[in-house]
Amino acid sequence: MASDYIIAVQEVRKMAMEGTSNFIGKYLQPMLDNFPEEAHFQVAGVLPALLTSHKKRQIENYRETVEVYGRDNVFHTIIKNHDRLENFGEDGVSLEDYNDRKMFGLFADLFCELEARISSFEKTGDVENFTYQSKYFDALENITLPLGKEIEINGVAE
């Protein structure tokens, strides 16, 4: 229990949906129930991942996820299935590459949304009536937004 916030990453497939339910209901909830003094974490939200927007069944699974957990509890930022993500480890990344810039925008939105969710939890104890508007990358339209085109890397990773 070394984290204050947990993201339940869920591939948008039926078996993964069941896995998310089990993760929350059979793992996280018993930790809260059995160790109320030690377990001080929140589920920041369910993060839909590997969505292929042209697959009807995945869209239905995504809608079911929102129905089950509520719009507030499902990340607005969606990690769609991008070949570029699979190749980061082998090919590296570059802000000069068009596709890499899209992925930087996507993850910039993910981090901004996570930060906003954490802020909501700390101010109100919940994410009720929570909304997030993409600033860097529109995942559903697959386009880099103006702020995403301005991302610069400042500093050196140590």
C-alpha atoms as a PDB file:
ATOM      1  CA  MET A   1       0.000   0.000   0.000  1.00  0.00           C
ATOM      2  CA  ALA A   2       2.608   2.467  -1.122  1.00  0.00           C
ATOM      3  CA  SER A   3       0.331   4.518  -3.335  1.00  0.00           C
ATOM      4  CA  ASP A   4      -2.351   7.054  -2.558  1.00  0.00           C
ATOM      5  CA  TYR A   5      -4.023   6.695  -5.959  1.00  0.00           C
ATOM      6  CA  ILE A   6      -4.559   3.674  -8.166  1.00  0.00           C
ATOM      7  CA  ILE A   7      -5.475   3.647 -11.837  1.00  0.00           C
ATOM      8  CA  ALA A   8      -7.366   0.561 -12.938  1.00  0.00           C
ATOM      9  CA  VAL A   9      -6.115   0.164 -16.507  1.00  0.00           C
ATOM     10  CA  GLN A  10      -8.658  -1.822 -18.471  1.00  0.00           C
ATOM     11  CA  GLU A  11      -8.297  -3.178 -21.950  1.00  0.00           C
ATOM     12  CA  VAL A  12     -11.679  -2.697 -23.592  1.00  0.00           C
ATOM     13  CA  ARG A  13     -12.502  -6.399 -23.897  1.00  0.00           C
ATOM     14  CA  LYS A  14     -15.066  -8.456 -22.016  1.00  0.00           C
ATOM     15  CA  MET A  15     -12.550 -10.549 -20.054  1.00  0.00           C
ATOM     16  CA  ALA A  16     -10.602  -7.420 -19.081  1.00  0.00           C
ATOM     17  CA  MET A  17     -13.824  -5.826 -17.844  1.00  0.00           C
ATOM     18  CA  GLU A  18     -14.326  -8.803 -15.549  1.00  0.00           C
ATOM     19  CA  GLY A  19     -10.689  -8.471 -14.446  1.00  0.00           C
ATOM     20  CA  THR A  20     -11.235  -4.824 -13.477  1.00  0.00           C
ATOM     21  CA  SER A  21     -14.289  -5.793 -11.450  1.00  0.00           C
ATOM     22  CA  ASN A  22     -12.302  -8.539  -9.708  1.00  0.00           C
ATOM     23  CA  PHE A  23      -9.331  -6.213  -9.103  1.00  0.00           C
ATOM     24  CA  ILE A  24     -11.556  -3.672  -7.366  1.00  0.00           C
ATOM     25  CA  GLY A  25     -13.982  -6.056  -5.652  1.00  0.00           C
ATOM     26  CA  LYS A  26     -11.730  -8.942  -4.669  1.00  0.00           C
ATOM     27  CA  TYR A  27      -8.405  -7.183  -4.127  1.00  0.00           C
ATOM     28  CA  LEU A  28      -8.784  -3.489  -3.351  1.00  0.00           C
ATOM     29  CA  GLN A  29     -12.038  -3.575  -1.374  1.00  0.00           C
ATOM     30  CA  PRO A  30     -10.836  -6.332   0.996  1.00  0.00           C
ATOM     31  CA  MET A  31      -7.668  -4.288   1.634  1.00  0.00           C
ATOM     32  CA  LEU A  32      -9.837  -1.327   2.637  1.00  0.00           C
ATOM     33  CA  ASP A  33     -12.128  -3.535   4.721  1.00  0.00           C
ATOM     34  CA  ASN A  34      -9.374  -5.496   6.493  1.00  0.00           C
ATOM     35  CA  PHE A  35      -6.842  -2.716   6.974  1.00  0.00           C
ATOM     36  CA  PRO A  36      -8.859   0.489   7.412  1.00  0.00           C
ATOM     37  CA  GLU A  37      -6.083   2.244   9.337  1.00  0.00           C
ATOM     38  CA  GLU A  38      -3.347   1.376   6.825  1.00  0.00           C
ATOM     39  CA  ALA A  39      -5.180   1.439   3.491  1.00  0.00           C
ATOM     40  CA  HIS A  40      -5.413   5.078   2.496  1.00  0.00           C
ATOM     41  CA  PHE A  41      -5.808   4.911  -1.254  1.00  0.00           C
ATOM     42  CA  GLN A  42      -8.372   5.929  -3.817  1.00  0.00           C
ATOM     43  CA  VAL A  43      -9.085   4.490  -7.242  1.00  0.00           C
ATOM     44  CA  ALA A  44      -8.379   7.525  -9.409  1.00  0.00           C
ATOM     45  CA  GLY A  45     -10.458   5.959 -12.149  1.00  0.00           C
ATOM     46  CA  VAL A  46     -10.725   3.248 -14.756  1.00  0.00           C
ATOM     47  CA  LEU A  47      -8.466   3.958 -17.730  1.00  0.00           C
ATOM     48  CA  PRO A  48      -9.758   2.444 -20.982  1.00  0.00           C
ATOM     49  CA  ALA A  49      -6.864   1.069 -23.036  1.00  0.00           C
ATOM     50  CA  LEU A  50      -6.250  -0.502 -26.429  1.00  0.00           C
ATOM     51  CA  LEU A  51      -9.561   0.663 -27.853  1.00  0.00           C
ATOM     52  CA  THR A  52      -9.924   0.208 -31.595  1.00  0.00           C
ATOM     53  CA  SER A  53     -12.701   2.640 -32.481  1.00  0.00           C
ATOM     54  CA  HIS A  54     -13.894   0.748 -35.530  1.00  0.00           C
ATOM     55  CA  LYS A  55     -14.596  -2.451 -33.572  1.00  0.00           C
ATOM     56  CA  LYS A  56     -18.250  -2.380 -32.580  1.00  0.00           C
ATOM     57  CA  ARG A  57     -17.871  -4.815 -29.669  1.00  0.00           C
ATOM     58  CA  GLN A  58     -15.108  -2.742 -28.072  1.00  0.00           C
ATOM     59  CA  ILE A  59     -17.252   0.404 -28.313  1.00  0.00           C
ATOM     60  CA  GLU A  60     -20.083  -1.516 -26.604  1.00  0.00           C
ATOM     61  CA  ASN A  61     -17.632  -2.684 -23.897  1.00  0.00           C
ATOM     62  CA  TYR A  62     -16.455   0.900 -23.384  1.00  0.00           C
ATOM     63  CA  ARG A  63     -20.051   2.099 -22.984  1.00  0.00           C
ATOM     64  CA  GLU A  64     -20.729  -0.742 -20.545  1.00  0.00           C
ATOM     65  CA  THR A  65     -17.646   0.271 -18.527  1.00  0.00           C
ATOM     66  CA  VAL A  66     -18.997   3.833 -18.267  1.00  0.00           C
ATOM     67  CA  GLU A  67     -22.415   2.458 -17.273  1.00  0.00           C
ATOM     68  CA  VAL A  68     -20.965   0.168 -14.583  1.00  0.00           C
ATOM     69  CA  TYR A  69     -18.507   2.622 -12.998  1.00  0.00           C
ATOM     70  CA  GLY A  70     -20.146   5.922 -13.890  1.00  0.00           C
ATOM     71  CA  ARG A  71     -18.900   8.638 -16.233  1.00  0.00           C
ATOM     72  CA  ASP A  72     -17.061  10.374 -13.384  1.00  0.00           C
ATOM     73  CA  ASN A  73     -15.017   7.264 -12.589  1.00  0.00           C
ATOM     74  CA  VAL A  74     -13.856   6.456 -16.122  1.00  0.00           C
ATOM     75  CA  PHE A  75     -10.996   8.471 -17.560  1.00  0.00           C
ATOM     76  CA  HIS A  76     -11.945  10.777 -20.413  1.00  0.00           C
ATOM     77  CA  THR A  77      -8.477  10.174 -21.862  1.00  0.00           C
ATOM     78  CA  ILE A  78      -8.537   6.878 -23.737  1.00  0.00           C
ATOM     79  CA  ILE A  79      -5.416   4.966 -24.720  1.00  0.00           C
ATOM     80  CA  LYS A  80      -6.356   3.757 -28.168  1.00  0.00           C
ATOM     81  CA  ASN A  81      -4.468   0.986 -29.879  1.00  0.00           C
ATOM     82  CA  HIS A  82      -1.527   2.775 -31.540  1.00  0.00           C
ATOM     83  CA  ASP A  83       1.240   0.840 -33.250  1.00  0.00           C
ATOM     84  CA  ARG A  84       3.605   3.611 -32.230  1.00  0.00           C
ATOM     85  CA  LEU A  85       3.138   2.790 -28.538  1.00  0.00           C
ATOM     86  CA  GLU A  86       4.199  -0.788 -29.166  1.00  0.00           C
ATOM     87  CA  ASN A  87       7.429   0.361 -30.846  1.00  0.00           C
ATOM     88  CA  PHE A  88       8.623   2.962 -28.310  1.00  0.00           C
ATOM     89  CA  GLY A  89      10.918   0.460 -26.608  1.00  0.00           C
ATOM     90  CA  GLU A  90      12.570  -0.615 -29.848  1.00  0.00           C
ATOM     91  CA  ASP A  91      12.571   2.593 -31.884  1.00  0.00           C
ATOM     92  CA  GLY A  92      12.833   5.266 -29.197  1.00  0.00           C
ATOM     93  CA  VAL A  93      10.905   8.533 -29.295  1.00  0.00           C
ATOM     94  CA  SER A  94      11.373  11.909 -30.909  1.00  0.00           C
ATOM     95  CA  LEU A  95       9.426  15.146 -30.710  1.00  0.00           C
ATOM     96  CA  GLU A  96      10.252  15.676 -34.373  1.00  0.00           C
ATOM     97  CA  ASP A  97       8.279  12.558 -35.321  1.00  0.00           C
ATOM     98  CA  TYR A  98       4.616  13.271 -36.095  1.00  0.00           C
ATOM     99  CA  ASN A  99       3.336  10.055 -34.494  1.00  0.00           C
ATOM    100  CA  ASP A 100       5.537  10.430 -31.418  1.00  0.00           C
ATOM    101  CA  ARG A 101       4.222  13.965 -30.940  1.00  0.00           C
ATOM    102  CA  LYS A 102       0.673  12.560 -30.935  1.00  0.00           C
ATOM    103  CA  MET A 103       1.644  10.081 -28.220  1.00  0.00           C
ATOM    104  CA  PHE A 104       3.291  12.833 -26.138  1.00  0.00           C
ATOM    105  CA  GLY A 105       0.020  14.773 -26.435  1.00  0.00           C
ATOM    106  CA  LEU A 106      -1.999  11.738 -25.403  1.00  0.00           C
ATOM    107  CA  PHE A 107       0.099  11.145 -22.294  1.00  0.00           C
ATOM    108  CA  ALA A 108       0.187  14.861 -21.466  1.00  0.00           C
ATOM    109  CA  ASP A 109      -3.620  14.715 -21.322  1.00  0.00           C
ATOM    110  CA  LEU A 110      -3.496  11.540 -19.246  1.00  0.00           C
ATOM    111  CA  PHE A 111      -1.189  13.150 -16.688  1.00  0.00           C
ATOM    112  CA  CYS A 112      -3.223  16.375 -16.618  1.00  0.00           C
ATOM    113  CA  GLU A 113      -6.425  14.412 -16.096  1.00  0.00           C
ATOM    114  CA  LEU A 114      -4.833  12.340 -13.336  1.00  0.00           C
ATOM    115  CA  GLU A 115      -3.634  15.525 -11.652  1.00  0.00           C
ATOM    116  CA  ALA A 116      -7.153  17.004 -11.878  1.00  0.00           C
ATOM    117  CA  ARG A 117      -8.662  13.796 -10.454  1.00  0.00           C
ATOM    118  CA  ILE A 118      -6.224  13.828  -7.538  1.00  0.00           C
ATOM    119  CA  SER A 119      -7.008  17.491  -6.904  1.00  0.00           C
ATOM    120  CA  SER A 120     -10.728  16.683  -6.877  1.00  0.00           C
ATOM    121  CA  PHE A 121     -10.192  13.846  -4.381  1.00  0.00           C
ATOM    122  CA  GLU A 122      -8.107  16.061  -2.119  1.00  0.00           C
ATOM    123  CA  LYS A 123     -10.581  18.963  -2.203  1.00  0.00           C
ATOM    124  CA  THR A 124     -13.893  17.088  -2.101  1.00  0.00           C
ATOM    125  CA  GLY A 125     -13.074  13.454  -1.267  1.00  0.00           C
ATOM    126  CA  ASP A 126     -14.556  12.290  -4.591  1.00  0.00           C
ATOM    127  CA  VAL A 127     -14.678  12.845  -8.342  1.00  0.00           C
ATOM    128  CA  GLU A 128     -18.399  13.549  -8.465  1.00  0.00           C
ATOM    129  CA  ASN A 129     -19.399  15.698 -11.460  1.00  0.00           C
ATOM    130  CA  PHE A 130     -15.842  15.392 -12.750  1.00  0.00           C
ATOM    131  CA  THR A 131     -15.073  16.419 -16.311  1.00  0.00           C
ATOM    132  CA  TYR A 132     -11.889  16.708 -18.278  1.00  0.00           C
ATOM    133  CA  GLN A 133     -11.513  18.273 -21.706  1.00  0.00           C
ATOM    134  CA  SER A 134      -8.561  17.129 -23.819  1.00  0.00           C
ATOM    135  CA  LYS A 135      -5.959  19.857 -24.235  1.00  0.00           C
ATOM    136  CA  TYR A 136      -3.191  18.143 -26.170  1.00  0.00           C
ATOM    137  CA  PHE A 137      -4.626  15.245 -28.155  1.00  0.00           C
ATOM    138  CA  ASP A 138      -8.137  14.207 -29.180  1.00  0.00           C
ATOM    139  CA  ALA A 139      -7.973  10.415 -28.959  1.00  0.00           C
ATOM    140  CA  LEU A 140     -11.350   9.802 -30.563  1.00  0.00           C
ATOM    141  CA  GLU A 141     -10.563  12.010 -33.565  1.00  0.00           C
ATOM    142  CA  ASN A 142      -6.889  10.961 -33.535  1.00  0.00           C
ATOM    143  CA  ILE A 143      -5.642  14.539 -33.919  1.00  0.00           C
ATOM    144  CA  THR A 144      -3.033  16.589 -32.098  1.00  0.00           C
ATOM    145  CA  LEU A 145      -4.599  19.729 -30.652  1.00  0.00           C
ATOM    146  CA  PRO A 146      -2.790  23.117 -30.825  1.00  0.00           C
ATOM    147  CA  LEU A 147      -1.238  22.770 -27.334  1.00  0.00           C
ATOM    148  CA  GLY A 148       0.017  19.304 -28.279  1.00  0.00           C
ATOM    149  CA  LYS A 149       1.938  20.840 -31.172  1.00  0.00           C
ATOM    150  CA  GLU A 150       3.716  23.154 -28.723  1.00  0.00           C
ATOM    151  CA  ILE A 151       5.022  20.469 -26.330  1.00  0.00           C
ATOM    152  CA  GLU A 152       8.703  20.879 -25.609  1.00  0.00           C
ATOM    153  CA  ILE A 153      10.975  18.781 -23.473  1.00  0.00           C
ATOM    154  CA  ASN A 154      12.657  20.938 -20.849  1.00  0.00           C
ATOM    155  CA  GLY A 155      15.274  19.401 -18.628  1.00  0.00           C
ATOM    156  CA  VAL A 156      17.240  16.197 -18.547  1.00  0.00           C
ATOM    157  CA  ALA A 157      16.066  12.853 -17.229  1.00  0.00           C
ATOM    158  CA  GLU A 158      18.415  11.747 -14.466  1.00  0.00           C
END
